[in-house]
């Protein structure tokens, strides 16, 4: 289709572990003989899946295996996955640094890549010379680079060192200049690997903002990051790589939600049989769930109210039991703790039976990101803990800025772990 700028079809990449080539002259000749006869490489069949956590039986490993997806013009695609999942290999193939063993890639437009610190830079040349060198590689004319030069230097904040050889730059300065060059020289497709982790927080924020500007200008961005919050904020779609394969592809907040849940084991509902449930001889935790409009979901619109239900069974009566929840942000920060202070049970011992406590979390309160819930049960005066279960459930707060909403200028990615929409009043005081 005309608006498809990247099309990846069944791309695979095979590597031999430890050596270059097949390792023996007879194997090299065998591979050459198959190639001149137009037959498949005989050593492709013995490659194993790229799982870095397990010892393989073969000397060959598929860094990528049968990866297929499409990227539209102006789309920002996030690529996520564990270390060794094949993300960087995929970007190197897209950037034409290496070629696929199988499959094909179709790219429409000029590509600028930032794969690792110093990519495309000559360390002996100055920052100024490297800007012009990279522009020439991208096919730009000198007057085009001249027009962007001051903007690049200002963005990178390396004006004092622009005529110093880049081999004397720190890694942070290297990345600043490299990103500024890649983003400002107007490529149709910008590919950025996890190099932004080298920069400081202020620079990372500038880079995310610049990539948003690039995409709004109709250009395409591929962004690899382990910082899931950045992916959900910047990207509309995401590709989840696992063991060299495309495990899932779709809307960014959904893919990221599934990815985090896969790593933490925390979903929108958890339940236990009484005999295996957390607790003691007094009380057992039976179920924890999060609901939006009565339905279970791991992705919650930023305006929606969230209902957290805790179901527990009191085995022996006589205790004043107070359930509580602890909410944690994506980086592990404790946001707040909430208790059941309902007047009917605040000082009243519970008799044996099954109970449900509901916590209601307001809409327009949390910032975007993953929220995990720890559930606990306690008795006070004297204090006694009956159970405490971390990462029981989790949900992701998302904001779909593509929809027409009534949020007005309030919509957007604001800093902080909460962003409550509070009542305000403005009056004109001079009549």
Foldseek 3Di string as FASTA:
>chain_A
DVQWFKWWFFFWAKDFPPDPDPPDPVLNVVQVVCVVVVHARPVVVVADFFDVVDDDPHRMHILAGGATDIDGWLFEEEEEEDPSLNPLVVVCCVVVVDHTSDTDMGGDWFEFEDRAQPVQADQQFFLQVSLVSSLVVSVHDPVLSVVCVVVLCVQLVCVVRRRPRNVPPDSQSSVSNSLSSQLRSLTLEYEYEASCVVHDPVSNVVSLVSLQVSSVVRGYYYYYHNPLVSCQARGQKYFYGGSNYGPDIDGSQVVSLVVVCVVLVAAQKDADDQVPFAFDQFKGWGMWGKDWPRHGDQEAEQQTKIKIKTKMWGNAWDALKKKKKWKAFPVGHTPDMDIPCPVVRNPDIDHTDMDMDMDIGGHQWFAWGKMFMKMWMWGVPPIDTGGIGGRHHMHTYHHDPVDDDPCPPVDHHDDDGTGHDDDDDDDDDPD
